C-alpha atoms as a PDB file:
ATOM      1  CA  MET A   1       0.082  -0.074  -0.062  1.00  0.00           C
ATOM      2  CA  ASN A   2       1.080   3.369  -0.811  1.00  0.00           C
ATOM      3  CA  CYS A   3       0.178   6.665   0.586  1.00  0.00           C
ATOM      4  CA  GLN A   4       1.205  10.488   0.526  1.00  0.00           C
ATOM      5  CA  TYR A   5       2.645  11.655   3.789  1.00  0.00           C
ATOM      6  CA  VAL A   6       0.878  14.547   5.375  1.00  0.00           C
ATOM      7  CA  GLY A   7       3.343  15.566   7.673  1.00  0.00           C
ATOM      8  CA  SER A   8       5.586  18.747   6.907  1.00  0.00           C
ATOM      9  CA  GLU A   9       8.306  18.286   9.685  1.00  0.00           C
ATOM     10  CA  LEU A  10      10.816  16.076   7.671  1.00  0.00           C
ATOM     11  CA  ALA A  11      12.836  18.755   5.969  1.00  0.00           C
ATOM     12  CA  LEU A  12      12.695  20.823   9.023  1.00  0.00           C
ATOM     13  CA  PHE A  13      14.244  18.095  11.495  1.00  0.00           C
ATOM     14  CA  ALA A  14      16.613  16.977   8.807  1.00  0.00           C
ATOM     15  CA  ALA A  15      18.864  19.740   9.587  1.00  0.00           C
ATOM     16  CA  ALA A  16      18.913  18.871  13.248  1.00  0.00           C
ATOM     17  CA  ARG A  17      22.631  17.348  13.003  1.00  0.00           C
ATOM     18  CA  ASN A  18      23.262  17.541  16.930  1.00  0.00           C
ATOM     19  CA  TRP A  19      20.051  15.515  17.640  1.00  0.00           C
ATOM     20  CA  LYS A  20      20.510  12.968  15.057  1.00  0.00           C
ATOM     21  CA  SER A  21      24.178  12.208  15.978  1.00  0.00           C
ATOM     22  CA  TYR A  22      23.028  12.072  19.642  1.00  0.00           C
ATOM     23  CA  LEU A  23      20.178   9.679  18.676  1.00  0.00           C
ATOM     24  CA  ALA A  24      22.432   7.518  16.623  1.00  0.00           C
ATOM     25  CA  SER A  25      24.871   7.060  19.504  1.00  0.00           C
ATOM     26  CA  ARG A  26      22.232   5.737  21.443  1.00  0.00           C
ATOM     27  CA  ILE A  27      20.768   3.598  18.744  1.00  0.00           C
ATOM     28  CA  GLU A  28      24.106   2.310  17.162  1.00  0.00           C
ATOM     29  CA  PRO A  29      24.794  -0.277  19.644  1.00  0.00           C
ATOM     30  CA  HIS A  30      21.740  -2.175  18.761  1.00  0.00           C
ATOM     31  CA  ILE A  31      21.892  -1.944  15.125  1.00  0.00           C
ATOM     32  CA  GLY A  32      23.043  -5.249  13.223  1.00  0.00           C
ATOM     33  CA  SER A  33      24.122  -6.113   9.699  1.00  0.00           C
ATOM     34  CA  ARG A  34      20.761  -6.132   7.873  1.00  0.00           C
ATOM     35  CA  VAL A  35      18.559  -3.204   8.772  1.00  0.00           C
ATOM     36  CA  LEU A  36      15.020  -2.481   7.769  1.00  0.00           C
ATOM     37  CA  GLU A  37      14.004   1.054   8.263  1.00  0.00           C
ATOM     38  CA  VAL A  38      10.155   1.300   8.454  1.00  0.00           C
ATOM     39  CA  GLY A  39       8.912   4.842   7.251  1.00  0.00           C
ATOM     40  CA  ALA A  40      12.346   6.119   6.318  1.00  0.00           C
ATOM     41  CA  GLY A  41      11.177   9.376   4.920  1.00  0.00           C
ATOM     42  CA  LEU A  42      13.896  11.441   3.309  1.00  0.00           C
ATOM     43  CA  GLY A  43      16.435   8.960   4.427  1.00  0.00           C
ATOM     44  CA  SER A  44      17.659  11.453   6.908  1.00  0.00           C
ATOM     45  CA  ASN A  45      18.829   8.815   9.523  1.00  0.00           C
ATOM     46  CA  ILE A  46      20.818   6.505   7.012  1.00  0.00           C
ATOM     47  CA  PRO A  47      24.121   8.452   6.937  1.00  0.00           C
ATOM     48  CA  TYR A  48      24.057   8.595  10.876  1.00  0.00           C
ATOM     49  CA  LEU A  49      23.326   4.888  11.349  1.00  0.00           C
ATOM     50  CA  CYS A  50      24.575   2.988   8.277  1.00  0.00           C
ATOM     51  CA  HIS A  51      27.880   2.354   9.726  1.00  0.00           C
ATOM     52  CA  ARG A  52      30.803  -0.054   8.115  1.00  0.00           C
ATOM     53  CA  SER A  53      29.316  -3.150   9.699  1.00  0.00           C
ATOM     54  CA  VAL A  54      25.582  -2.692   8.145  1.00  0.00           C
ATOM     55  CA  GLU A  55      25.745  -5.100   4.861  1.00  0.00           C
ATOM     56  CA  ARG A  56      22.204  -4.110   3.879  1.00  0.00           C
ATOM     57  CA  TRP A  57      19.923  -1.154   4.528  1.00  0.00           C
ATOM     58  CA  THR A  58      16.236  -1.589   3.294  1.00  0.00           C
ATOM     59  CA  ALA A  59      14.579   1.733   3.480  1.00  0.00           C
ATOM     60  CA  LEU A  60      10.573   1.083   3.554  1.00  0.00           C
ATOM     61  CA  GLU A  61       8.714   4.127   2.606  1.00  0.00           C
ATOM     62  CA  PRO A  62       5.054   4.268   1.636  1.00  0.00           C
ATOM     63  CA  ASP A  63       5.167   7.663   0.179  1.00  0.00           C
ATOM     64  CA  PRO A  64       6.429   7.167  -3.549  1.00  0.00           C
ATOM     65  CA  ALA A  65       7.727  10.729  -3.635  1.00  0.00           C
ATOM     66  CA  LEU A  66       9.712  10.280  -0.613  1.00  0.00           C
ATOM     67  CA  ALA A  67      10.793   6.952  -1.744  1.00  0.00           C
ATOM     68  CA  ARG A  68      12.070   8.477  -5.086  1.00  0.00           C
ATOM     69  CA  ARG A  69      14.090  11.008  -3.214  1.00  0.00           C
ATOM     70  CA  ILE A  70      15.734   8.316  -1.255  1.00  0.00           C
ATOM     71  CA  ARG A  71      16.543   6.682  -4.478  1.00  0.00           C
ATOM     72  CA  ASP A  72      17.880   9.835  -5.819  1.00  0.00           C
ATOM     73  CA  ARG A  73      20.366  10.202  -2.981  1.00  0.00           C
ATOM     74  CA  ILE A  74      21.566   6.716  -3.309  1.00  0.00           C
ATOM     75  CA  SER A  75      22.135   7.374  -7.082  1.00  0.00           C
ATOM     76  CA  ALA A  76      23.805  10.567  -6.388  1.00  0.00           C
ATOM     77  CA  ALA A  77      26.300   8.656  -3.795  1.00  0.00           C
ATOM     78  CA  GLU A  78      24.812  10.805  -0.980  1.00  0.00           C
ATOM     79  CA  LEU A  79      23.806   7.307   0.536  1.00  0.00           C
ATOM     80  CA  PRO A  80      25.628   4.457   0.668  1.00  0.00           C
ATOM     81  CA  ASP A  81      25.198   1.945  -2.245  1.00  0.00           C
ATOM     82  CA  ARG A  82      24.207  -0.885   0.221  1.00  0.00           C
ATOM     83  CA  CYS A  83      21.030   0.939   0.740  1.00  0.00           C
ATOM     84  CA  GLU A  84      17.790  -0.147  -1.117  1.00  0.00           C
ATOM     85  CA  VAL A  85      14.326   1.134  -1.218  1.00  0.00           C
ATOM     86  CA  ILE A  86      10.889  -0.361  -1.093  1.00  0.00           C
ATOM     87  CA  ILE A  87       7.714   1.519  -1.606  1.00  0.00           C
ATOM     88  CA  GLY A  88       4.982   0.441   0.687  1.00  0.00           C
ATOM     89  CA  THR A  89       4.375  -0.772   4.269  1.00  0.00           C
ATOM     90  CA  LEU A  90       5.367  -3.933   6.060  1.00  0.00           C
ATOM     91  CA  ALA A  91       2.836  -5.990   4.080  1.00  0.00           C
ATOM     92  CA  SER A  92       5.229  -5.061   1.085  1.00  0.00           C
ATOM     93  CA  VAL A  93       7.924  -7.044   2.708  1.00  0.00           C
ATOM     94  CA  SER A  94       8.391 -10.736   1.958  1.00  0.00           C
ATOM     95  CA  PRO A  95       7.587 -12.782   5.040  1.00  0.00           C
ATOM     96  CA  ALA A  96      10.614 -14.623   4.049  1.00  0.00           C
ATOM     97  CA  GLU A  97      12.895 -11.417   4.567  1.00  0.00           C
ATOM     98  CA  LEU A  98      14.460 -11.425   8.106  1.00  0.00           C
ATOM     99  CA  PHE A  99      16.531  -8.570   9.481  1.00  0.00           C
ATOM    100  CA  ASP A 100      18.788  -8.191  12.649  1.00  0.00           C
ATOM    101  CA  THR A 101      17.386  -4.822  13.307  1.00  0.00           C
ATOM    102  CA  VAL A 102      13.799  -3.220  12.534  1.00  0.00           C
ATOM    103  CA  LEU A 103      14.013   0.317  13.255  1.00  0.00           C
ATOM    104  CA  TYR A 104      11.117   2.845  13.580  1.00  0.00           C
ATOM    105  CA  ILE A 105      12.230   6.441  14.039  1.00  0.00           C
ATOM    106  CA  ASP A 106       9.369   8.739  14.724  1.00  0.00           C
ATOM    107  CA  VAL A 107       7.029   6.696  12.870  1.00  0.00           C
ATOM    108  CA  LEU A 108       4.923   4.435  15.283  1.00  0.00           C
ATOM    109  CA  GLU A 109       3.057   7.544  16.462  1.00  0.00           C
ATOM    110  CA  HIS A 110       1.700   7.712  12.954  1.00  0.00           C
ATOM    111  CA  ILE A 111       0.246   4.188  12.973  1.00  0.00           C
ATOM    112  CA  ALA A 112      -3.092   3.650  14.243  1.00  0.00           C
ATOM    113  CA  ASP A 113      -2.709   0.080  15.514  1.00  0.00           C
ATOM    114  CA  ASP A 114       0.665   0.329  16.929  1.00  0.00           C
ATOM    115  CA  ALA A 115       0.347  -2.904  18.779  1.00  0.00           C
ATOM    116  CA  ALA A 116      -0.293  -4.913  15.729  1.00  0.00           C
ATOM    117  CA  GLU A 117       2.433  -3.199  13.671  1.00  0.00           C
ATOM    118  CA  LEU A 118       5.200  -4.205  16.346  1.00  0.00           C
ATOM    119  CA  VAL A 119       3.659  -7.749  16.405  1.00  0.00           C
ATOM    120  CA  ALA A 120       4.386  -7.635  12.313  1.00  0.00           C
ATOM    121  CA  ALA A 121       7.772  -6.223  12.842  1.00  0.00           C
ATOM    122  CA  ALA A 122       8.844  -8.753  15.069  1.00  0.00           C
ATOM    123  CA  GLN A 123       8.030 -11.512  12.782  1.00  0.00           C
ATOM    124  CA  HIS A 124      10.707  -9.804  10.492  1.00  0.00           C
ATOM    125  CA  LEU A 125      13.371 -10.355  13.192  1.00  0.00           C
ATOM    126  CA  VAL A 126      15.923 -13.057  13.275  1.00  0.00           C
ATOM    127  CA  PRO A 127      16.178 -14.854  16.877  1.00  0.00           C
ATOM    128  CA  ALA A 128      18.023 -12.074  19.093  1.00  0.00           C
ATOM    129  CA  GLY A 129      17.348  -9.370  16.512  1.00  0.00           C
ATOM    130  CA  HIS A 130      16.604  -5.956  17.720  1.00  0.00           C
ATOM    131  CA  LEU A 131      13.214  -3.985  17.353  1.00  0.00           C
ATOM    132  CA  ILE A 132      14.161  -0.358  17.888  1.00  0.00           C
ATOM    133  CA  VAL A 133      11.382   2.560  18.399  1.00  0.00           C
ATOM    134  CA  VAL A 134      11.808   6.132  18.871  1.00  0.00           C
ATOM    135  CA  VAL A 135       8.660   8.263  19.720  1.00  0.00           C
ATOM    136  CA  PRO A 136       7.550  11.454  21.263  1.00  0.00           C
ATOM    137  CA  ALA A 137       7.138  11.262  24.779  1.00  0.00           C
ATOM    138  CA  HIS A 138       4.109  12.279  27.192  1.00  0.00           C
ATOM    139  CA  GLN A 139       0.549  12.542  26.132  1.00  0.00           C
ATOM    140  CA  TYR A 140       0.177  15.916  28.161  1.00  0.00           C
ATOM    141  CA  LEU A 141       2.653  17.402  25.461  1.00  0.00           C
ATOM    142  CA  PHE A 142       0.188  16.434  22.610  1.00  0.00           C
ATOM    143  CA  SER A 143      -0.023  19.767  20.643  1.00  0.00           C
ATOM    144  CA  PRO A 144      -1.742  21.170  17.517  1.00  0.00           C
ATOM    145  CA  PHE A 145       1.640  20.348  15.905  1.00  0.00           C
ATOM    146  CA  ASP A 146       1.137  16.591  16.761  1.00  0.00           C
ATOM    147  CA  THR A 147      -2.399  16.801  15.089  1.00  0.00           C
ATOM    148  CA  ALA A 148      -1.043  18.574  11.918  1.00  0.00           C
ATOM    149  CA  ILE A 149       1.632  15.862  11.086  1.00  0.00           C
ATOM    150  CA  GLY A 150      -0.624  13.009  11.827  1.00  0.00           C
ATOM    151  CA  HIS A 151       0.225  11.790  15.141  1.00  0.00           C
ATOM    152  CA  HIS A 152      -2.193   9.418  16.847  1.00  0.00           C
ATOM    153  CA  ARG A 153      -0.529   9.854  20.173  1.00  0.00           C
ATOM    154  CA  ARG A 154       2.472  10.642  22.276  1.00  0.00           C
ATOM    155  CA  TYR A 155       3.911   7.758  24.555  1.00  0.00           C
ATOM    156  CA  GLU A 156       4.786   6.819  28.041  1.00  0.00           C
ATOM    157  CA  ALA A 157       7.416   4.093  28.854  1.00  0.00           C
ATOM    158  CA  ARG A 158       4.449   1.902  30.331  1.00  0.00           C
ATOM    159  CA  ARG A 159       2.581   2.133  26.956  1.00  0.00           C
ATOM    160  CA  LEU A 160       5.353   0.964  25.172  1.00  0.00           C
ATOM    161  CA  ALA A 161       5.896  -2.002  27.642  1.00  0.00           C
ATOM    162  CA  ASP A 162       2.084  -2.921  27.334  1.00  0.00           C
ATOM    163  CA  ILE A 163       2.494  -3.431  23.310  1.00  0.00           C
ATOM    164  CA  THR A 164       5.482  -5.713  23.639  1.00  0.00           C
ATOM    165  CA  PRO A 165       5.312  -8.218  20.958  1.00  0.00           C
ATOM    166  CA  PRO A 166       4.785 -11.830  22.438  1.00  0.00           C
ATOM    167  CA  SER A 167       7.784 -12.999  20.586  1.00  0.00           C
ATOM    168  CA  CYS A 168       9.994 -10.332  22.064  1.00  0.00           C
ATOM    169  CA  ARG A 169      11.313  -9.316  25.319  1.00  0.00           C
ATOM    170  CA  LEU A 170      11.697  -5.590  26.283  1.00  0.00           C
ATOM    171  CA  ILE A 171      15.380  -4.553  27.056  1.00  0.00           C
ATOM    172  CA  GLY A 172      14.793  -1.162  28.008  1.00  0.00           C
ATOM    173  CA  CYS A 173      13.169   2.259  27.764  1.00  0.00           C
ATOM    174  CA  TRP A 174      15.249   5.481  27.835  1.00  0.00           C
ATOM    175  CA  LEU A 175      13.881   9.140  27.893  1.00  0.00           C
ATOM    176  CA  LEU A 176      16.088  11.571  26.041  1.00  0.00           C
ATOM    177  CA  ASP A 177      16.325  15.396  25.562  1.00  0.00           C
ATOM    178  CA  SER A 178      15.550  16.376  29.222  1.00  0.00           C
ATOM    179  CA  VAL A 179      16.420  20.047  28.450  1.00  0.00           C
ATOM    180  CA  GLY A 180      14.407  19.806  25.366  1.00  0.00           C
ATOM    181  CA  LEU A 181      11.482  18.665  27.650  1.00  0.00           C
ATOM    182  CA  LEU A 182      11.682  21.684  29.690  1.00  0.00           C
ATOM    183  CA  ALA A 183      11.386  24.053  26.459  1.00  0.00           C
ATOM    184  CA  SER A 184       8.519  22.030  25.371  1.00  0.00           C
ATOM    185  CA  LEU A 185       6.805  22.588  28.684  1.00  0.00           C
ATOM    186  CA  GLY A 186       7.521  26.274  28.346  1.00  0.00           C
ATOM    187  CA  ASN A 187       6.302  26.420  24.656  1.00  0.00           C
ATOM    188  CA  ARG A 188       2.864  24.665  25.834  1.00  0.00           C
ATOM    189  CA  LEU A 189       2.391  27.018  28.954  1.00  0.00           C
ATOM    190  CA  PHE A 190       3.324  30.126  27.511  1.00  0.00           C
ATOM    191  CA  LEU A 191       4.096  30.157  23.769  1.00  0.00           C
ATOM    192  CA  ARG A 192       1.454  27.903  22.532  1.00  0.00           C
ATOM    193  CA  SER A 193       3.212  27.737  19.279  1.00  0.00           C
ATOM    194  CA  ALA A 194       1.589  25.272  16.797  1.00  0.00           C
ATOM    195  CA  THR A 195       4.652  24.699  14.405  1.00  0.00           C
ATOM    196  CA  PRO A 196       8.154  25.271  15.476  1.00  0.00           C
ATOM    197  CA  SER A 197      10.144  27.628  13.111  1.00  0.00           C
ATOM    198  CA  ALA A 198      13.545  26.799  11.466  1.00  0.00           C
ATOM    199  CA  HIS A 199      14.997  29.394  13.909  1.00  0.00           C
ATOM    200  CA  GLN A 200      13.534  27.574  17.012  1.00  0.00           C
ATOM    201  CA  ILE A 201      14.774  24.120  15.513  1.00  0.00           C
ATOM    202  CA  ALA A 202      18.294  25.471  15.075  1.00  0.00           C
ATOM    203  CA  VAL A 203      18.578  27.037  18.762  1.00  0.00           C
ATOM    204  CA  TRP A 204      17.130  23.524  20.255  1.00  0.00           C
ATOM    205  CA  ASP A 205      19.741  21.615  18.112  1.00  0.00           C
ATOM    206  CA  LYS A 206      22.714  23.695  18.455  1.00  0.00           C
ATOM    207  CA  ILE A 207      22.037  24.814  22.394  1.00  0.00           C
ATOM    208  CA  LEU A 208      19.695  22.607  23.895  1.00  0.00           C
ATOM    209  CA  VAL A 209      20.529  19.263  22.452  1.00  0.00           C
ATOM    210  CA  PRO A 210      24.402  19.385  23.642  1.00  0.00           C
ATOM    211  CA  MET A 211      23.236  20.381  27.075  1.00  0.00           C
ATOM    212  CA  SER A 212      20.798  17.318  27.033  1.00  0.00           C
ATOM    213  CA  ARG A 213      23.471  14.756  26.132  1.00  0.00           C
ATOM    214  CA  THR A 214      25.004  15.761  29.532  1.00  0.00           C
ATOM    215  CA  VAL A 215      21.855  16.077  31.664  1.00  0.00           C
ATOM    216  CA  ASP A 216      20.348  13.001  30.237  1.00  0.00           C
ATOM    217  CA  ARG A 217      23.444  10.913  31.260  1.00  0.00           C
ATOM    218  CA  LEU A 218      23.519  12.419  34.933  1.00  0.00           C
ATOM    219  CA  THR A 219      19.721  11.735  35.472  1.00  0.00           C
ATOM    220  CA  GLY A 220      20.086   8.066  34.233  1.00  0.00           C
ATOM    221  CA  TYR A 221      17.869   8.909  30.975  1.00  0.00           C
ATOM    222  CA  ARG A 222      14.794   9.182  33.170  1.00  0.00           C
ATOM    223  CA  PHE A 223      13.518  12.657  31.828  1.00  0.00           C
ATOM    224  CA  GLY A 224      13.027  13.903  28.249  1.00  0.00           C
ATOM    225  CA  LYS A 225      10.535  14.554  25.434  1.00  0.00           C
ATOM    226  CA  THR A 226      11.585  11.392  23.269  1.00  0.00           C
ATOM    227  CA  ILE A 227      11.590   7.521  24.185  1.00  0.00           C
ATOM    228  CA  MET A 228      13.673   5.091  22.753  1.00  0.00           C
ATOM    229  CA  ALA A 229      12.670   1.549  23.353  1.00  0.00           C
ATOM    230  CA  VAL A 230      14.606  -1.436  22.391  1.00  0.00           C
ATOM    231  CA  TRP A 231      13.272  -5.288  22.164  1.00  0.00           C
ATOM    232  CA  ALA A 232      15.214  -8.321  21.406  1.00  0.00           C
ATOM    233  CA  ARG A 233      13.439 -11.257  19.604  1.00  0.00           C
ATOM    234  CA  ASN A 234      13.275 -14.300  21.998  1.00  0.00           C
ATOM    235  CA  GLY A 235      15.769 -17.199  20.602  1.00  0.00           C
END
């Protein structure tokens, strides 16, 4: 099934290099040699995560226009040639295709039946393979911006634990971007901005994210506006 993505934030956040580097540093230890990225968007995560030990990176993207842009980037050598693109959803991937890692970065919140999606994703994992999900945290932060870009929900760690696929065990949930959480609370209470501007994204990425890298570590990854969860498929 193909569809057109309704969100407008992909290009806005593509330039958030500090954030993507930080996120990659947390995700990379769980990345295996064969990766399926569900909802790959513009392919913005690939340069940060497709390291030398990755043999094959499959970018799954339901929007044909976005998928073409990833293919164009591969052709232009902006992305590694070991990347491939599939237009569609998990149903477009052969049931026989298994991966060491299945990755959702800012995607699961767009899917109505998230529990069923994770069950289907786990079926594409090799034994001991990793399912990695990065989602926006805290339903109380749900804003008009979330609605505008097609979010069904934001998450708490408990919600993610509750939708653990039966074939997997939850390794852990970590909250990231504690300083950004304070900024989001301030925006919700005082500014009430529906859509962040390019300037706001730049300030967050250049100033707040480096601060969060330190504060998150000191607080044991217990506070933040983003949740990263990792499951392992039972062997």
